[in-house]
C-alpha atoms as a PDB file:
ATOM      1  CA  MET A   1     168.596 199.330 103.869  1.00  0.00           C
ATOM      2  CA  PRO A   2     168.379 197.229 106.994  1.00  0.00           C
ATOM      3  CA  PRO A   3     165.479 194.752 107.053  1.00  0.00           C
ATOM      4  CA  MET A   4     163.874 196.433 110.093  1.00  0.00           C
ATOM      5  CA  VAL A   5     163.609 199.763 108.249  1.00  0.00           C
ATOM      6  CA  ILE A   6     161.965 198.045 105.294  1.00  0.00           C
ATOM      7  CA  LEU A   7     159.533 196.239 107.620  1.00  0.00           C
ATOM      8  CA  TYR A   8     158.703 199.536 109.355  1.00  0.00           C
ATOM      9  CA  LEU A   9     157.984 201.232 106.020  1.00  0.00           C
ATOM     10  CA  VAL A  10     155.868 198.314 104.811  1.00  0.00           C
ATOM     11  CA  LEU A  11     153.813 198.322 108.027  1.00  0.00           C
ATOM     12  CA  SER A  12     153.327 202.075 107.750  1.00  0.00           C
ATOM     13  CA  PHE A  13     152.172 201.629 104.162  1.00  0.00           C
ATOM     14  CA  ILE A  14     149.695 198.931 105.241  1.00  0.00           C
ATOM     15  CA  VAL A  15     148.321 201.265 107.916  1.00  0.00           C
ATOM     16  CA  GLY A  16     147.897 203.923 105.252  1.00  0.00           C
ATOM     17  CA  ILE A  17     145.986 201.519 103.029  1.00  0.00           C
ATOM     18  CA  LEU A  18     143.761 200.349 105.887  1.00  0.00           C
ATOM     19  CA  GLY A  19     143.014 203.922 106.894  1.00  0.00           C
ATOM     20  CA  ARG A  20     142.368 205.398 103.475  1.00  0.00           C
ATOM     21  CA  LYS A  21     138.614 205.755 104.148  1.00  0.00           C
ATOM     22  CA  THR A  22     139.043 207.423 107.528  1.00  0.00           C
ATOM     23  CA  PHE A  23     139.195 211.100 108.439  1.00  0.00           C
ATOM     24  CA  LEU A  24     142.967 211.281 107.961  1.00  0.00           C
ATOM     25  CA  GLY A  25     142.989 209.327 104.708  1.00  0.00           C
ATOM     26  CA  PHE A  26     145.925 207.377 103.331  1.00  0.00           C
ATOM     27  CA  TRP A  27     148.624 210.040 103.700  1.00  0.00           C
ATOM     28  CA  GLY A  28     147.562 211.124 107.183  1.00  0.00           C
ATOM     29  CA  ASN A  29     147.605 207.580 108.518  1.00  0.00           C
ATOM     30  CA  PHE A  30     150.814 206.778 106.674  1.00  0.00           C
ATOM     31  CA  PHE A  31     152.707 209.753 108.104  1.00  0.00           C
ATOM     32  CA  PHE A  32     151.199 209.296 111.562  1.00  0.00           C
ATOM     33  CA  SER A  33     152.359 205.680 111.658  1.00  0.00           C
ATOM     34  CA  LEU A  34     155.700 206.631 110.116  1.00  0.00           C
ATOM     35  CA  PHE A  35     156.475 209.276 112.749  1.00  0.00           C
ATOM     36  CA  PHE A  36     155.227 207.347 115.760  1.00  0.00           C
ATOM     37  CA  THR A  37     154.792 203.611 115.222  1.00  0.00           C
ATOM     38  CA  PRO A  38     152.529 201.540 112.957  1.00  0.00           C
ATOM     39  CA  VAL A  39     150.994 199.425 115.734  1.00  0.00           C
ATOM     40  CA  PRO A  40     148.629 201.849 117.589  1.00  0.00           C
ATOM     41  CA  PRO A  41     147.097 203.361 114.414  1.00  0.00           C
ATOM     42  CA  MET A  42     146.582 199.856 113.007  1.00  0.00           C
ATOM     43  CA  ILE A  43     144.828 198.725 116.203  1.00  0.00           C
ATOM     44  CA  TYR A  44     142.661 201.861 116.168  1.00  0.00           C
ATOM     45  CA  ILE A  45     141.671 201.406 112.520  1.00  0.00           C
ATOM     46  CA  LEU A  46     140.819 197.728 112.947  1.00  0.00           C
ATOM     47  CA  LEU A  47     138.811 198.325 116.140  1.00  0.00           C
ATOM     48  CA  ASN A  48     137.006 201.239 114.520  1.00  0.00           C
ATOM     49  CA  ARG A  49     136.026 199.093 111.548  1.00  0.00           C
ATOM     50  CA  ALA A  50     134.750 196.329 113.834  1.00  0.00           C
ATOM     51  CA  PHE A  51     132.778 198.829 115.916  1.00  0.00           C
ATOM     52  CA  ASN A  52     131.246 200.391 112.799  1.00  0.00           C
ATOM     53  CA  LYS A  53     130.178 196.999 111.441  1.00  0.00           C
ATOM     54  CA  ILE A  54     128.503 196.059 114.728  1.00  0.00           C
ATOM     55  CA  PHE A  55     126.880 199.471 115.178  1.00  0.00           C
ATOM     56  CA  ILE A  56     125.627 199.687 111.591  1.00  0.00           C
ATOM     57  CA  LYS A  57     124.136 196.165 111.735  1.00  0.00           C
ATOM     58  CA  LYS A  58     122.261 196.929 114.948  1.00  0.00           C
ATOM     59  CA  THR A  59     120.812 200.206 113.702  1.00  0.00           C
ATOM     60  CA  ALA A  60     119.941 199.038 110.185  1.00  0.00           C
END
């Protein structure tokens, strides 16, 4: 396999791991990032986590 394909699969797997506690879960995030690209779902997941931490701290 070419190195770029392996990198793409690894990044998609990382997105799946990061998104396992979201609405889509591991498989939903994995396939979404596999079919489109790993970068936008990863950005969304990381921003969502940061927003939740800030919002939860302010309301708690």
